[in-house]
Amino acid sequence: MEEKIVTNEKNIQLTTSKKSTIKKRKSMSSPIWLNLMYVPALLLFCVFIFYPFFNGIKISFTNWDGYSQAFSWVGIENYKRMLSDPNIGTVIKNTLIYGVGSTLFQNLIGLFYAILLNQSIKARGIVRTIVYLPAIISPLIMGYIWYFFFQFDGGALNDIILLFQDKPLNLLANPELNVWIITFVNTFQFIGIAMVIYLAGLQSIPADFYEAAELDGASAAKKFRYITLPMLMPSITINVVLNLIGGLKLFDVIVALTNGGPGYASQSLSTMMYKIYFASQDAGYASALGNLTFVLISLISITALIYLRKKEIA
């Protein structure tokens, strides 16, 4: 009798646990009509993301000019042409400089601003606003603002230089400098976003960690190395990946400052693709360059994401 009672109690417990799990599943599952609310967003995503992406891959195997209805399949000729293009090396190098250079400078300067403006100083709110303000301006407008500063004829910088020498400097036409000027302008505009992300990360670090380190006699450098930096790794991951993607696909600032010139000296993959599509009317080759841009950005950003996520504190 006792064994029957025990088995009955076990069966009752199993049935009640099953009922509770079923109730949980029902509570977690949403009604069908609610799931249908995703359909418009999925349709828009397919129309504006998936279709252009796969259509671009298809066009890269054709000789379409971008306008006419007639085109023919050329296989991998556009990719062979890309490998033998004498300008592709310069363009890829410039793209990497825009991406990696902007990422490095934005993170270093943004972290410096965040640490400085996380202190109890006067008017820090105003300074934060001033640092962040360029990020809300269109990149094209920001490029034109700096163009009027660097331009050869009547630029603000050359007006100052002419006070000390007879000839102005054509900095934007200098192939050794214009790439770094573009990187500087892109860095200047988006430092504020990096600063805000780092500020959020700094303010989430418990003050007890710093108090314990001070009791142990740790210096400011050691507190930064062993507390601040490891705890900021999620913020570093976000900033690095976002900055890499933004820098590697840089377009607006280049068009405003140099339009990719002189020649291909400051072209990125994005501006080269734009130029070939509209100026040369070669949509097939432009699509091949677009696919190369996608692969390059994906490889670099995903590699950086995986590496930095491993460094984060669990």
Protein backbone atom coordinates (compact mmCIF):
# COMPACT_ATOMS: atom_id res chain seq x y z
CA MET A 1 0.00 0.00 0.00
CA GLU A 2 2.80 2.40 0.93
CA GLU A 3 4.56 1.69 -2.39
CA LYS A 4 1.34 2.45 -4.30
CA ILE A 5 0.92 5.72 -2.43
CA VAL A 6 4.53 6.75 -3.22
CA THR A 7 4.12 5.90 -6.91
CA ASN A 8 0.84 7.79 -7.05
CA GLU A 9 2.50 10.81 -5.46
CA LYS A 10 5.32 10.63 -8.05
CA ASN A 11 2.81 10.38 -10.89
CA ILE A 12 0.92 13.39 -9.52
CA GLN A 13 4.19 15.37 -9.30
CA LEU A 14 5.11 14.41 -12.87
CA THR A 15 1.69 15.40 -14.23
CA THR A 16 1.74 18.72 -12.36
CA SER A 17 5.28 19.46 -13.65
CA LYS A 18 4.18 18.61 -17.19
CA LYS A 19 1.16 20.88 -16.84
CA SER A 20 3.35 23.71 -15.53
CA THR A 21 5.80 23.35 -18.44
CA ILE A 22 2.89 23.32 -20.91
CA LYS A 23 1.49 26.47 -19.28
CA LYS A 24 4.92 28.13 -19.49
CA ARG A 25 5.21 27.22 -23.16
CA LYS A 26 1.74 28.59 -23.83
CA SER A 27 2.55 31.79 -21.98
CA MET A 28 5.84 32.15 -23.87
CA SER A 29 4.30 31.44 -27.28
CA SER A 30 2.61 34.40 -28.91
CA PRO A 31 -0.68 34.22 -30.83
CA ILE A 32 -0.67 33.73 -34.60
CA TRP A 33 -2.04 37.21 -35.32
CA LEU A 34 0.84 38.73 -33.37
CA ASN A 35 3.40 36.79 -35.38
CA LEU A 36 1.82 38.11 -38.56
CA MET A 37 2.90 41.60 -37.49
CA TYR A 38 6.45 40.62 -38.51
CA VAL A 39 5.45 40.02 -42.11
CA PRO A 40 5.55 43.67 -43.33
CA ALA A 41 9.01 44.16 -41.82
CA LEU A 42 10.25 40.92 -43.38
CA LEU A 43 8.84 41.91 -46.76
CA LEU A 44 10.54 45.31 -46.61
CA PHE A 45 13.79 43.64 -45.55
CA CYS A 46 13.61 41.22 -48.48
CA VAL A 47 12.72 43.94 -50.99
CA PHE A 48 15.37 46.46 -49.93
CA ILE A 49 18.16 44.16 -48.64
CA PHE A 50 18.01 40.62 -50.00
CA TYR A 51 16.79 41.37 -53.52
CA PRO A 52 19.39 44.12 -54.25
CA PHE A 53 22.13 41.96 -52.72
CA PHE A 54 21.44 38.89 -54.86
CA ASN A 55 20.65 41.04 -57.89
CA GLY A 56 24.04 42.73 -57.49
CA ILE A 57 25.74 39.34 -57.49
CA LYS A 58 23.88 38.46 -60.70
CA ILE A 59 24.78 41.75 -62.39
CA SER A 60 28.47 41.24 -61.59
CA PHE A 61 28.48 38.35 -64.08
CA THR A 62 27.11 40.51 -66.90
CA ASN A 63 28.24 43.46 -69.04
CA TRP A 64 25.17 45.57 -68.20
CA ASP A 65 25.70 49.33 -68.54
CA GLY A 66 23.17 50.20 -65.84
CA TYR A 67 20.58 51.77 -68.16
CA SER A 68 19.71 49.69 -71.24
CA GLN A 69 17.55 46.57 -71.27
CA ALA A 70 20.14 44.56 -73.22
CA PHE A 71 23.04 42.79 -71.55
CA SER A 72 24.91 39.51 -71.91
CA TRP A 73 26.56 37.11 -69.49
CA VAL A 74 30.34 37.37 -69.28
CA GLY A 75 31.02 34.92 -66.45
CA ILE A 76 33.90 35.90 -64.18
CA GLU A 77 35.40 38.43 -66.61
CA ASN A 78 34.59 41.35 -64.29
CA TYR A 79 36.43 39.65 -61.44
CA LYS A 80 39.42 38.93 -63.67
CA ARG A 81 39.40 42.57 -64.71
CA MET A 82 39.30 43.60 -61.06
CA LEU A 83 42.38 41.51 -60.25
CA SER A 84 44.30 43.05 -63.16
CA ASP A 85 43.12 46.62 -62.54
CA PRO A 86 46.24 48.78 -61.90
CA ASN A 87 44.27 51.04 -59.53
CA ILE A 88 42.69 48.38 -57.34
CA GLY A 89 45.72 48.11 -55.04
CA THR A 90 45.72 51.85 -54.29
CA VAL A 91 41.96 51.84 -53.72
CA ILE A 92 42.06 48.87 -51.31
CA LYS A 93 44.96 50.47 -49.43
CA ASN A 94 43.02 53.73 -49.10
CA THR A 95 39.92 51.84 -47.94
CA LEU A 96 41.94 50.08 -45.23
CA ILE A 97 43.45 53.39 -44.11
CA TYR A 98 39.99 54.97 -43.84
CA GLY A 99 38.66 51.98 -41.89
CA VAL A 100 41.56 51.08 -39.60
CA GLY A 101 42.86 54.66 -39.21
CA SER A 102 39.46 56.10 -38.30
CA THR A 103 38.81 53.21 -35.90
CA LEU A 104 42.14 53.70 -34.12
CA PHE A 105 41.84 57.47 -33.74
CA GLN A 106 38.15 57.50 -32.85
CA ASN A 107 38.63 54.94 -30.10
CA LEU A 108 41.76 56.48 -28.60
CA ILE A 109 40.45 60.05 -28.60
CA GLY A 110 36.89 58.99 -27.71
CA LEU A 111 38.16 57.01 -24.71
CA PHE A 112 40.30 59.98 -23.62
CA TYR A 113 37.28 62.31 -23.78
CA ALA A 114 35.12 59.78 -21.93
CA ILE A 115 37.60 59.38 -19.05
CA LEU A 116 38.10 63.15 -18.85
CA LEU A 117 34.40 64.03 -18.97
CA ASN A 118 33.47 61.27 -16.52
CA GLN A 119 35.18 63.32 -13.81
CA SER A 120 33.39 65.89 -11.67
CA ILE A 121 34.41 68.98 -13.62
CA LYS A 122 32.53 72.17 -14.34
CA ALA A 123 30.45 72.44 -17.53
CA ARG A 124 31.12 68.81 -18.46
CA GLY A 125 27.61 68.56 -19.89
CA ILE A 126 28.30 71.45 -22.27
CA VAL A 127 31.65 69.94 -23.32
CA ARG A 128 29.99 66.56 -23.95
CA THR A 129 27.42 68.27 -26.16
CA ILE A 130 30.12 70.13 -28.12
CA VAL A 131 32.12 66.93 -28.69
CA TYR A 132 29.01 65.01 -29.79
CA LEU A 133 27.56 67.82 -31.95
CA PRO A 134 29.44 66.99 -35.23
CA ALA A 135 27.88 63.50 -35.25
CA ILE A 136 24.42 64.91 -35.95
CA ILE A 137 25.61 66.75 -39.08
CA SER A 138 25.40 65.04 -42.47
CA PRO A 139 28.80 63.58 -43.47
CA LEU A 140 28.52 65.32 -46.84
CA ILE A 141 27.94 68.71 -45.18
CA MET A 142 30.79 68.02 -42.77
CA GLY A 143 33.05 67.28 -45.73
CA TYR A 144 32.16 70.58 -47.40
CA ILE A 145 32.77 72.49 -44.15
CA TRP A 146 36.29 71.10 -43.96
CA TYR A 147 36.76 71.61 -47.70
CA PHE A 148 36.41 75.37 -47.19
CA PHE A 149 39.09 75.07 -44.51
CA PHE A 150 41.61 73.06 -46.59
CA GLN A 151 40.89 74.32 -50.13
CA PHE A 152 43.74 75.78 -52.17
CA ASP A 153 42.14 79.06 -53.27
CA GLY A 154 40.72 81.06 -50.37
CA GLY A 155 40.78 78.30 -47.76
CA ALA A 156 41.00 79.35 -44.12
CA LEU A 157 44.19 77.35 -43.56
CA ASN A 158 45.93 78.90 -46.58
CA ASP A 159 44.88 82.39 -45.47
CA ILE A 160 46.85 81.74 -42.27
CA ILE A 161 49.79 80.17 -44.17
CA LEU A 162 50.02 83.21 -46.51
CA LEU A 163 50.79 85.37 -43.49
CA PHE A 164 54.11 83.55 -43.18
CA GLN A 165 54.98 82.54 -46.78
CA ASP A 166 54.20 83.55 -50.37
CA LYS A 167 52.67 80.34 -51.76
CA PRO A 168 49.58 78.50 -50.48
CA LEU A 169 49.57 74.73 -49.99
CA ASN A 170 47.35 72.49 -52.11
CA LEU A 171 46.90 69.86 -49.42
CA LEU A 172 43.86 68.16 -50.93
CA ALA A 173 45.75 67.52 -54.18
CA ASN A 174 48.70 65.93 -52.36
CA PRO A 175 48.40 62.11 -52.66
CA GLU A 176 50.49 61.62 -49.53
CA LEU A 177 48.28 63.84 -47.36
CA ASN A 178 44.72 63.86 -48.69
CA VAL A 179 43.98 60.30 -47.49
CA TRP A 180 44.98 61.27 -43.95
CA ILE A 181 43.01 64.53 -44.15
CA ILE A 182 39.90 62.52 -45.05
CA THR A 183 40.63 60.13 -42.16
CA PHE A 184 41.00 63.11 -39.81
CA VAL A 185 37.65 64.62 -40.89
CA ASN A 186 35.86 61.28 -40.47
CA THR A 187 37.47 60.85 -37.05
CA PHE A 188 36.54 64.38 -35.97
CA GLN A 189 32.90 63.86 -36.86
CA PHE A 190 32.30 60.59 -35.03
CA ILE A 191 34.47 60.93 -31.92
CA GLY A 192 31.33 61.93 -30.01
CA ILE A 193 29.60 58.59 -30.64
CA ALA A 194 32.62 56.66 -29.36
CA MET A 195 32.77 58.98 -26.33
CA VAL A 196 29.11 58.37 -25.43
CA ILE A 197 29.51 54.58 -25.65
CA TYR A 198 32.63 54.69 -23.49
CA LEU A 199 30.89 56.99 -20.99
CA ALA A 200 28.09 54.45 -20.64
CA GLY A 201 30.67 51.72 -20.08
CA LEU A 202 32.60 53.75 -17.49
CA GLN A 203 29.46 54.60 -15.53
CA SER A 204 28.50 50.91 -15.33
CA ILE A 205 31.74 49.95 -13.54
CA PRO A 206 31.05 49.56 -9.77
CA ALA A 207 32.90 52.10 -7.63
CA ASP A 208 33.74 49.32 -5.13
CA PHE A 209 36.39 47.99 -7.51
CA TYR A 210 38.28 51.29 -7.47
CA GLU A 211 37.92 51.64 -3.70
CA ALA A 212 39.35 48.17 -3.16
CA ALA A 213 42.23 48.94 -5.52
CA GLU A 214 42.98 52.17 -3.66
CA LEU A 215 43.11 50.26 -0.36
CA ASP A 216 45.66 47.93 -1.96
CA GLY A 217 47.73 50.94 -3.03
CA ALA A 218 47.17 50.58 -6.78
CA SER A 219 48.26 53.50 -8.95
CA ALA A 220 46.03 55.21 -11.50
CA ALA A 221 47.78 53.36 -14.34
CA LYS A 222 47.23 49.97 -12.69
CA LYS A 223 43.57 50.77 -11.99
CA PHE A 224 43.11 51.63 -15.65
CA ARG A 225 44.91 48.50 -16.83
CA TYR A 226 43.37 45.96 -14.47
CA ILE A 227 39.90 47.44 -13.81
CA THR A 228 38.84 50.04 -16.38
CA LEU A 229 40.15 48.39 -19.53
CA PRO A 230 38.83 44.85 -18.88
CA MET A 231 35.43 46.19 -17.80
CA LEU A 232 35.25 48.37 -20.91
CA MET A 233 35.76 45.50 -23.34
CA PRO A 234 32.05 45.34 -24.37
CA SER A 235 32.16 49.07 -25.17
CA ILE A 236 35.44 48.60 -27.05
CA THR A 237 33.90 45.78 -29.08
CA ILE A 238 30.90 47.91 -30.08
CA ASN A 239 33.01 50.93 -30.98
CA VAL A 240 35.64 49.02 -32.95
CA VAL A 241 33.12 47.06 -35.04
CA LEU A 242 30.94 50.12 -35.75
CA ASN A 243 33.95 52.29 -36.62
CA LEU A 244 35.42 49.63 -38.90
CA ILE A 245 32.17 49.23 -40.83
CA GLY A 246 31.70 53.01 -41.13
CA GLY A 247 35.29 53.69 -42.16
CA LEU A 248 35.58 50.86 -44.68
CA LYS A 249 32.47 52.05 -46.55
CA LEU A 250 33.37 55.75 -46.33
CA PHE A 251 31.89 57.73 -49.21
CA ASP A 252 30.40 61.17 -48.43
CA VAL A 253 33.48 62.86 -46.95
CA ILE A 254 35.67 61.67 -49.84
CA VAL A 255 33.25 63.08 -52.43
CA ALA A 256 33.07 66.44 -50.64
CA LEU A 257 36.82 66.87 -50.07
CA THR A 258 38.61 65.38 -53.10
CA ASN A 259 36.03 63.44 -55.16
CA GLY A 260 38.56 60.63 -55.07
CA GLY A 261 41.28 62.59 -56.83
CA PRO A 262 43.76 63.38 -58.04
CA GLY A 263 43.16 60.34 -60.24
CA TYR A 264 42.65 57.39 -57.88
CA ALA A 265 44.88 58.78 -55.11
CA SER A 266 42.10 59.10 -52.52
CA GLN A 267 39.46 56.75 -53.95
CA SER A 268 37.83 54.16 -51.73
CA LEU A 269 36.03 51.08 -52.97
CA SER A 270 32.71 52.89 -52.48
CA THR A 271 33.69 55.97 -54.52
CA MET A 272 35.35 53.84 -57.21
CA MET A 273 32.19 51.78 -57.53
CA TYR A 274 30.11 54.97 -57.81
CA LYS A 275 32.44 56.46 -60.42
CA ILE A 276 32.52 53.35 -62.59
CA TYR A 277 28.76 52.87 -62.43
CA PHE A 278 27.69 56.44 -63.27
CA ALA A 279 30.67 57.95 -65.09
CA SER A 280 31.78 54.88 -67.05
CA GLN A 281 28.32 53.27 -67.23
CA ASP A 282 29.77 49.88 -66.32
CA ALA A 283 27.32 48.36 -63.88
CA GLY A 284 28.78 44.86 -64.18
CA TYR A 285 32.25 45.86 -63.02
CA ALA A 286 30.79 48.20 -60.38
CA SER A 287 28.76 45.29 -58.97
CA ALA A 288 31.91 43.18 -58.77
CA LEU A 289 33.56 45.98 -56.78
CA GLY A 290 30.50 46.14 -54.55
CA ASN A 291 30.79 42.42 -53.83
CA LEU A 292 34.47 42.87 -53.01
CA THR A 293 33.53 45.69 -50.60
CA PHE A 294 30.96 43.45 -48.90
CA VAL A 295 33.45 40.60 -48.51
CA LEU A 296 36.20 42.91 -47.20
CA ILE A 297 33.95 44.61 -44.63
CA SER A 298 32.46 41.27 -43.52
CA LEU A 299 35.82 39.55 -43.07
CA ILE A 300 37.44 42.40 -41.14
CA SER A 301 34.46 43.28 -38.94
CA ILE A 302 33.51 39.67 -38.10
CA THR A 303 37.15 38.80 -37.32
CA ALA A 304 37.42 41.84 -35.04
CA LEU A 305 34.09 40.95 -33.39
CA ILE A 306 35.09 37.35 -32.66
CA TYR A 307 38.52 38.37 -31.34
CA LEU A 308 37.20 41.14 -29.08
CA ARG A 309 34.29 39.07 -27.74
CA LYS A 310 36.83 36.52 -26.49
CA LYS A 311 38.55 39.29 -24.52
CA GLU A 312 35.35 40.30 -22.72
CA ILE A 313 34.86 39.34 -19.09
CA ALA A 314 32.20 36.67 -18.76
